[in-house]
Amino acid sequence: MTAKQNYPAAPVLAFAALIAGNVCVAFGAPLVRLADTGPIATGFWRLALAVPILAFIGYRAGFRIRAMPRPMLGLVLLAGFFFAIDIIAWHFGIFKTKLGNATLLANCASLLLAIYGIILARKLPQPLQAMAILLAFSGAAMLMGQSLDLSPEHFEGDVLSLIAGLFYTFYLLAMLRVRGSSESWSSLALASASAAMFMLPVAWIAGEQIMPGNWLPLIALAISSQVLGQGFLTYALPHFSPLIIGLALLLQPAFAAFVGWAAFDEALTLLDYVGGAMVMAALVLVRLADARSKP
């Protein structure tokens, strides 16, 4: 990516897609736990089941792979590799630490992207942006603080979740550049196919159970997290700066807490509600700051 990039005024549809994508991705962790395949194999099926749908949508939108420049195709494949490492690390982390730890630590991408966005802009955040950053990270800390449990017992899973967040940052930065000149659904289809081709042999070498006995959690994971979640996010990427994308990622822990309440009867406290409201308020503020900065 160039040293500095101007982002076009984002339509309302793109902002809605950014929010909807993060909400859909938040349903991923419980579905991974419900799957009866190995962690890597679960990630493979998440991608493999989604690729035909994504490719069909991209084809209907007019994309043809022969029209994509070779350097851009190489970048998409590299993005797929980053995504594969992200999924492998996170899926293992989900089983080796608390769900709250895995969700919060894997979203270190939000902080990294926010820092990258500030560096890219070559200036300190505007007052509204600074207020949004403070609100978002304070809300996320409040929301997940009660479930975050840093202990030797969870150390391996916590580290894996941090690694997942780091590689997810690399993936998003690569896809930001790809989406500057390519259609969203086809780009995601290629990146997903690249990641799936890497993950299948790794799952086989690891000796995991690859064929599922129950397809329902895998189909739900592919539709919610990959087709809808990553599909909406990929569509929204070129419309926003890394700072805004990073803050939007914090919606995932907010909605993960709601999913935990709905699916596993995990109690929500007043701090959970306040923290979630702070994250949402931060997105409204950063949206206003973004609109004011456009000519």
Protein backbone atom coordinates (compact mmCIF):
# COMPACT_ATOMS: atom_id res chain seq x y z
CA MET A 1 0.00 0.00 0.00
CA THR A 2 1.21 3.47 -0.74
CA ALA A 3 2.44 5.70 2.04
CA LYS A 4 -0.79 7.67 2.06
CA GLN A 5 -4.16 6.84 0.53
CA ASN A 6 -7.34 8.84 0.08
CA TYR A 7 -10.60 6.97 0.63
CA PRO A 8 -13.74 7.93 -1.27
CA ALA A 9 -16.83 9.02 0.59
CA ALA A 10 -18.36 5.82 1.94
CA PRO A 11 -21.98 5.14 1.01
CA VAL A 12 -24.45 4.15 3.71
CA LEU A 13 -24.57 0.64 2.20
CA ALA A 14 -20.83 0.18 2.76
CA PHE A 15 -21.11 1.24 6.41
CA ALA A 16 -24.02 -1.16 6.89
CA ALA A 17 -21.94 -3.93 5.28
CA LEU A 18 -19.02 -3.17 7.60
CA ILE A 19 -21.26 -3.57 10.65
CA ALA A 20 -23.17 -6.59 9.31
CA GLY A 21 -19.93 -8.37 8.39
CA ASN A 22 -18.55 -8.10 11.92
CA VAL A 23 -21.85 -9.23 13.41
CA CYS A 24 -21.90 -12.35 11.20
CA VAL A 25 -18.27 -13.22 11.97
CA ALA A 26 -19.05 -13.06 15.72
CA PHE A 27 -21.11 -16.27 15.37
CA GLY A 28 -18.01 -18.23 14.30
CA ALA A 29 -16.46 -19.30 17.62
CA PRO A 30 -19.51 -21.20 18.99
CA LEU A 31 -19.96 -22.99 15.65
CA VAL A 32 -16.30 -24.06 15.65
CA ARG A 33 -16.84 -25.66 19.06
CA LEU A 34 -19.96 -27.47 17.82
CA ALA A 35 -18.22 -29.00 14.78
CA ASP A 36 -17.10 -32.64 15.10
CA THR A 37 -14.07 -32.26 12.82
CA GLY A 38 -10.58 -31.20 13.90
CA PRO A 39 -9.81 -27.48 14.31
CA ILE A 40 -7.88 -27.20 11.03
CA ALA A 41 -10.39 -29.37 9.15
CA THR A 42 -13.23 -27.19 10.47
CA GLY A 43 -11.44 -24.16 9.01
CA PHE A 44 -10.99 -26.00 5.71
CA TRP A 45 -14.71 -26.78 5.43
CA ARG A 46 -15.62 -23.21 6.38
CA LEU A 47 -13.67 -22.07 3.31
CA ALA A 48 -14.32 -24.95 0.91
CA LEU A 49 -18.09 -24.84 1.33
CA ALA A 50 -18.10 -21.07 0.81
CA VAL A 51 -15.86 -20.92 -2.30
CA PRO A 52 -18.46 -22.12 -4.88
CA ILE A 53 -21.01 -19.60 -3.60
CA LEU A 54 -18.50 -16.73 -3.60
CA ALA A 55 -17.16 -17.70 -7.04
CA PHE A 56 -20.69 -17.84 -8.49
CA ILE A 57 -21.54 -14.38 -7.14
CA GLY A 58 -18.23 -13.00 -8.49
CA TYR A 59 -18.83 -14.60 -11.89
CA ARG A 60 -22.32 -13.13 -12.08
CA ALA A 61 -20.78 -9.75 -11.24
CA GLY A 62 -18.59 -10.04 -14.34
CA PHE A 63 -15.25 -11.15 -12.85
CA ARG A 64 -12.95 -13.33 -14.97
CA ILE A 65 -9.72 -14.60 -13.45
CA ARG A 66 -7.78 -14.12 -16.70
CA ALA A 67 -8.44 -10.38 -16.43
CA MET A 68 -6.69 -10.09 -13.06
CA PRO A 69 -3.04 -8.88 -13.34
CA ARG A 70 -0.49 -11.46 -12.18
CA PRO A 71 0.91 -9.29 -9.36
CA MET A 72 -2.61 -8.78 -8.00
CA LEU A 73 -3.35 -12.50 -8.29
CA GLY A 74 -0.18 -13.22 -6.35
CA LEU A 75 -1.27 -10.78 -3.63
CA VAL A 76 -4.66 -12.51 -3.35
CA LEU A 77 -2.94 -15.88 -2.93
CA LEU A 78 -0.66 -14.39 -0.27
CA ALA A 79 -3.73 -12.99 1.50
CA GLY A 80 -5.17 -16.52 1.46
CA PHE A 81 -2.02 -17.84 3.15
CA PHE A 82 -2.30 -15.18 5.88
CA PHE A 83 -5.96 -16.06 6.34
CA ALA A 84 -5.15 -19.76 6.64
CA ILE A 85 -2.63 -19.11 9.44
CA ASP A 86 -5.18 -16.85 11.15
CA ILE A 87 -7.89 -19.53 11.08
CA ILE A 88 -5.57 -22.37 12.15
CA ALA A 89 -4.21 -20.40 15.11
CA TRP A 90 -7.63 -19.14 16.20
CA HIS A 91 -9.40 -22.49 15.89
CA PHE A 92 -6.77 -24.11 18.09
CA GLY A 93 -6.89 -21.15 20.47
CA ILE A 94 -10.67 -21.51 20.91
CA PHE A 95 -10.17 -24.97 22.43
CA LYS A 96 -7.14 -24.05 24.56
CA THR A 97 -8.43 -20.92 26.30
CA LYS A 98 -11.69 -19.30 27.37
CA LEU A 99 -14.01 -18.09 24.63
CA GLY A 100 -13.71 -14.54 25.98
CA ASN A 101 -9.90 -14.69 25.81
CA ALA A 102 -9.92 -16.08 22.28
CA THR A 103 -12.36 -13.45 21.01
CA LEU A 104 -10.66 -10.48 22.65
CA LEU A 105 -7.04 -11.43 21.91
CA ALA A 106 -7.78 -12.44 18.30
CA ASN A 107 -9.17 -8.94 17.82
CA CYS A 108 -5.79 -7.35 18.49
CA ALA A 109 -6.10 -6.68 14.75
CA SER A 110 -8.38 -3.78 15.71
CA LEU A 111 -5.58 -2.07 17.64
CA LEU A 112 -2.95 -2.84 14.98
CA LEU A 113 -5.15 -1.48 12.19
CA ALA A 114 -5.97 1.65 14.19
CA ILE A 115 -2.25 2.31 14.74
CA TYR A 116 -1.53 1.59 11.07
CA GLY A 117 -4.31 3.98 10.04
CA ILE A 118 -2.83 6.78 12.15
CA ILE A 119 0.66 6.16 10.68
CA LEU A 120 -0.80 6.04 7.16
CA ALA A 121 -2.58 9.38 7.65
CA ARG A 122 0.70 10.95 8.89
CA LYS A 123 -1.18 12.95 11.51
CA LEU A 124 -2.78 12.53 14.89
CA PRO A 125 -6.48 11.62 14.99
CA GLN A 126 -9.04 14.42 14.86
CA PRO A 127 -10.89 15.13 18.14
CA LEU A 128 -13.91 13.03 17.13
CA GLN A 129 -11.64 10.20 15.98
CA ALA A 130 -9.65 10.33 19.22
CA MET A 131 -12.89 10.21 21.22
CA ALA A 132 -14.08 7.25 19.14
CA ILE A 133 -10.81 5.37 19.72
CA LEU A 134 -11.01 5.97 23.47
CA LEU A 135 -14.68 4.92 23.61
CA ALA A 136 -14.15 1.81 21.48
CA PHE A 137 -11.22 0.36 23.37
CA SER A 138 -12.64 1.32 26.77
CA GLY A 139 -15.92 -0.35 25.81
CA ALA A 140 -14.17 -3.49 24.57
CA ALA A 141 -12.09 -3.70 27.75
CA MET A 142 -15.23 -3.26 29.88
CA LEU A 143 -17.17 -5.79 27.81
CA MET A 144 -14.57 -8.54 27.90
CA GLY A 145 -12.75 -7.67 31.12
CA GLN A 146 -14.82 -10.02 33.24
CA SER A 147 -14.24 -13.00 30.97
CA LEU A 148 -10.55 -12.35 30.28
CA ASP A 149 -8.56 -14.75 32.40
CA LEU A 150 -4.80 -14.60 31.87
CA SER A 151 -3.37 -17.66 33.56
CA PRO A 152 -0.72 -20.34 32.88
CA GLU A 153 -3.54 -22.76 32.11
CA HIS A 154 -4.69 -20.61 29.17
CA PHE A 155 -1.27 -19.36 28.07
CA GLU A 156 -0.97 -21.49 24.92
CA GLY A 157 -4.47 -20.62 23.73
CA ASP A 158 -3.92 -16.92 24.47
CA VAL A 159 -0.71 -16.87 22.42
CA LEU A 160 -2.42 -18.68 19.54
CA SER A 161 -5.25 -16.14 19.61
CA LEU A 162 -2.75 -13.26 19.48
CA ILE A 163 -1.00 -14.90 16.52
CA ALA A 164 -4.39 -15.21 14.82
CA GLY A 165 -5.01 -11.49 15.31
CA LEU A 166 -1.59 -10.62 13.87
CA PHE A 167 -2.10 -12.67 10.71
CA TYR A 168 -5.66 -11.40 10.34
CA THR A 169 -4.16 -7.90 10.26
CA PHE A 170 -1.79 -8.99 7.46
CA TYR A 171 -4.75 -10.51 5.61
CA LEU A 172 -6.88 -7.37 5.86
CA LEU A 173 -4.03 -5.11 4.72
CA ALA A 174 -3.42 -7.34 1.69
CA MET A 175 -7.13 -7.41 0.84
CA LEU A 176 -7.35 -3.63 1.23
CA ARG A 177 -4.89 -3.31 -1.61
CA VAL A 178 -6.55 -6.03 -3.69
CA ARG A 179 -9.97 -4.41 -3.32
CA GLY A 180 -8.60 -1.14 -4.67
CA SER A 181 -8.80 -2.63 -8.17
CA SER A 182 -10.83 -5.84 -7.97
CA GLU A 183 -14.40 -7.02 -7.39
CA SER A 184 -15.08 -8.07 -3.80
CA TRP A 185 -16.76 -11.49 -4.01
CA SER A 186 -14.33 -12.94 -6.54
CA SER A 187 -11.34 -11.63 -4.59
CA LEU A 188 -12.67 -13.32 -1.46
CA ALA A 189 -13.35 -16.54 -3.43
CA LEU A 190 -9.73 -16.66 -4.63
CA ALA A 191 -8.31 -15.89 -1.18
CA SER A 192 -10.60 -18.50 0.41
CA ALA A 193 -9.64 -21.14 -2.16
CA SER A 194 -5.95 -20.39 -1.60
CA ALA A 195 -6.37 -20.76 2.18
CA ALA A 196 -8.40 -23.98 1.81
CA MET A 197 -5.77 -25.61 -0.42
CA PHE A 198 -3.15 -24.86 2.22
CA MET A 199 -5.26 -26.08 5.15
CA LEU A 200 -6.41 -29.46 3.80
CA PRO A 201 -2.96 -31.11 3.66
CA VAL A 202 -2.07 -29.55 7.02
CA ALA A 203 -5.20 -31.10 8.58
CA TRP A 204 -4.32 -34.47 7.01
CA ILE A 205 -0.70 -34.34 8.23
CA ALA A 206 -1.95 -33.41 11.72
CA GLY A 207 -4.08 -36.56 11.74
CA GLU A 208 -7.36 -34.72 12.30
CA GLN A 209 -10.82 -36.05 11.56
CA ILE A 210 -11.61 -34.42 8.24
CA MET A 211 -14.99 -35.84 7.23
CA PRO A 212 -17.76 -34.63 9.53
CA GLY A 213 -20.55 -36.71 11.00
CA ASN A 214 -22.73 -33.60 11.33
CA TRP A 215 -22.58 -31.12 8.46
CA LEU A 216 -24.93 -28.54 9.99
CA PRO A 217 -22.37 -26.57 12.11
CA LEU A 218 -19.95 -26.46 9.16
CA ILE A 219 -22.58 -25.24 6.70
CA ALA A 220 -23.73 -22.60 9.21
CA LEU A 221 -20.09 -21.56 9.77
CA ALA A 222 -19.42 -21.27 6.03
CA ILE A 223 -22.54 -19.19 5.40
CA SER A 224 -22.34 -16.92 8.46
CA SER A 225 -18.61 -16.33 8.89
CA GLN A 226 -17.32 -16.67 5.33
CA VAL A 227 -20.01 -15.91 2.75
CA LEU A 228 -21.85 -13.23 4.73
CA GLY A 229 -19.28 -12.10 7.32
CA GLN A 230 -16.13 -11.93 5.20
CA GLY A 231 -18.21 -11.14 2.10
CA PHE A 232 -19.66 -7.96 3.61
CA LEU A 233 -16.31 -6.98 5.12
CA THR A 234 -14.48 -7.44 1.82
CA TYR A 235 -17.07 -5.32 0.04
CA ALA A 236 -16.65 -2.54 2.63
CA LEU A 237 -12.82 -2.51 2.73
CA PRO A 238 -12.03 0.07 0.00
CA HIS A 239 -14.55 2.56 1.41
CA PHE A 240 -12.87 3.05 4.79
CA SER A 241 -9.49 3.79 6.29
CA PRO A 242 -7.72 1.09 8.37
CA LEU A 243 -8.57 3.14 11.47
CA ILE A 244 -12.32 2.80 10.91
CA ILE A 245 -12.04 -0.87 9.92
CA GLY A 246 -10.01 -1.55 13.06
CA LEU A 247 -12.61 0.06 15.32
CA ALA A 248 -15.41 -1.83 13.58
CA LEU A 249 -13.68 -5.13 14.39
CA LEU A 250 -14.46 -4.45 18.05
CA LEU A 251 -18.10 -5.22 17.26
CA GLN A 252 -17.08 -8.88 17.20
CA PRO A 253 -16.39 -9.22 20.94
CA ALA A 254 -19.55 -7.21 21.64
CA PHE A 255 -21.76 -9.57 19.66
CA ALA A 256 -19.77 -12.63 20.79
CA ALA A 257 -20.93 -11.81 24.32
CA PHE A 258 -24.54 -11.74 23.07
CA VAL A 259 -24.04 -15.07 21.23
CA GLY A 260 -22.58 -16.58 24.42
CA TRP A 261 -25.70 -15.46 26.29
CA ALA A 262 -28.08 -16.80 23.63
CA ALA A 263 -26.31 -20.11 22.90
CA PHE A 264 -24.60 -21.02 26.17
CA ASP A 265 -26.68 -19.10 28.75
CA GLU A 266 -23.66 -17.00 29.74
CA ALA A 267 -24.98 -14.17 31.92
CA LEU A 268 -24.71 -10.58 30.69
CA THR A 269 -23.99 -7.91 33.29
CA LEU A 270 -24.54 -4.16 33.30
CA LEU A 271 -20.87 -3.74 32.29
CA ASP A 272 -21.49 -5.91 29.21
CA TYR A 273 -24.38 -3.70 28.10
CA VAL A 274 -22.46 -0.47 28.77
CA GLY A 275 -19.36 -1.75 27.00
CA GLY A 276 -21.35 -2.80 23.93
CA ALA A 277 -23.08 0.58 23.82
CA MET A 278 -19.71 2.34 24.01
CA VAL A 279 -18.36 0.37 21.04
CA MET A 280 -21.45 1.21 18.97
CA ALA A 281 -21.26 4.89 19.98
CA ALA A 282 -17.61 4.90 18.89
CA LEU A 283 -18.61 3.71 15.42
CA VAL A 284 -21.17 6.51 15.14
CA LEU A 285 -18.51 9.07 16.16
CA VAL A 286 -15.89 7.77 13.75
CA ARG A 287 -18.50 7.73 10.98
CA LEU A 288 -19.30 11.41 11.71
CA ALA A 289 -15.58 12.27 11.75
CA ASP A 290 -15.13 10.48 8.42
CA ALA A 291 -18.05 12.36 6.85
CA ARG A 292 -16.74 15.74 8.07
CA SER A 293 -13.28 15.10 6.64
CA LYS A 294 -14.65 14.64 3.10
CA PRO A 295 -14.84 17.69 0.83
